[in-house]
Amino acid sequence: MELPEYELVDSFPVGATVVDADGGTVDAVNGTISWTVPAVTQATLGASAPSSFCYEFNVAIQN
């Protein structure tokens, strides 16, 4: 399994303040946070790689 590098973008509520974007880039004007997710190849996963995997981002916001 191989996946190219891609950008993940999520939005947050109007009026909220991002306290921790977990490495993402905050666009306060448009209310979004974006992360660059690195490419994944069999070589980077290794021979015993699972058939599925996930990335998790934990964002803290306040009103």
Protein backbone atom coordinates (compact mmCIF):
# COMPACT_ATOMS: atom_id res chain seq x y z
CA MET A 1 0.00 0.00 0.00
CA GLU A 2 1.30 3.45 -0.88
CA LEU A 3 -0.16 6.90 -0.30
CA PRO A 4 1.29 10.19 -1.56
CA GLU A 5 1.84 13.16 0.74
CA TYR A 6 -1.39 15.12 1.12
CA GLU A 7 -2.91 18.03 2.99
CA LEU A 8 -5.68 17.44 5.51
CA VAL A 9 -7.87 20.48 6.24
CA ASP A 10 -10.50 20.78 8.97
CA SER A 11 -12.64 23.71 10.05
CA PHE A 12 -13.42 25.10 13.48
CA PRO A 13 -16.39 27.16 14.76
CA VAL A 14 -16.61 30.89 14.13
CA GLY A 15 -15.43 32.79 17.20
CA ALA A 16 -13.36 29.91 18.56
CA THR A 17 -9.68 30.32 19.38
CA VAL A 18 -7.31 27.49 18.56
CA VAL A 19 -5.21 26.80 21.66
CA ASP A 20 -3.30 23.82 20.26
CA ALA A 21 -3.35 22.83 16.57
CA ASP A 22 -1.25 19.67 17.16
CA GLY A 23 1.34 20.72 14.58
CA GLY A 24 -1.18 22.11 12.10
CA THR A 25 -1.29 25.54 10.52
CA VAL A 26 -4.16 27.73 11.67
CA ASP A 27 -5.93 30.05 9.24
CA ALA A 28 -7.99 32.21 11.61
CA VAL A 29 -9.51 34.23 8.75
CA ASN A 30 -11.04 31.17 7.08
CA GLY A 31 -11.47 29.14 10.29
CA THR A 32 -9.37 26.18 9.19
CA ILE A 33 -6.45 24.10 10.39
CA SER A 34 -4.31 22.21 7.88
CA TRP A 35 -1.76 19.44 8.33
CA THR A 36 0.66 17.96 5.82
CA VAL A 37 0.47 14.20 6.10
CA PRO A 38 3.68 12.54 4.88
CA ALA A 39 3.78 9.99 2.08
CA VAL A 40 3.49 6.37 3.12
CA THR A 41 5.20 3.56 1.25
CA GLN A 42 5.79 -0.09 2.00
CA ALA A 43 9.42 0.83 2.65
CA THR A 44 8.48 3.36 5.34
CA LEU A 45 5.99 0.95 6.93
CA GLY A 46 8.27 -2.10 6.89
CA ALA A 47 7.65 -5.68 5.89
CA SER A 48 5.29 -6.46 8.77
CA ALA A 49 3.13 -3.38 8.18
CA PRO A 50 -0.59 -3.59 8.94
CA SER A 51 -3.05 -3.47 6.07
CA SER A 52 -4.50 -0.26 7.51
CA PHE A 53 -3.26 2.63 9.64
CA CYS A 54 -4.42 6.05 10.74
CA TYR A 55 -3.20 9.47 11.76
CA GLU A 56 -4.73 11.20 14.73
CA PHE A 57 -4.65 14.93 15.40
CA ASN A 58 -5.87 16.33 18.71
CA VAL A 59 -6.88 19.98 18.57
CA ALA A 60 -7.79 22.19 21.53
CA ILE A 61 -10.08 25.18 20.97
CA GLN A 62 -11.88 27.59 23.27
CA ASN A 63 -14.76 29.99 22.80
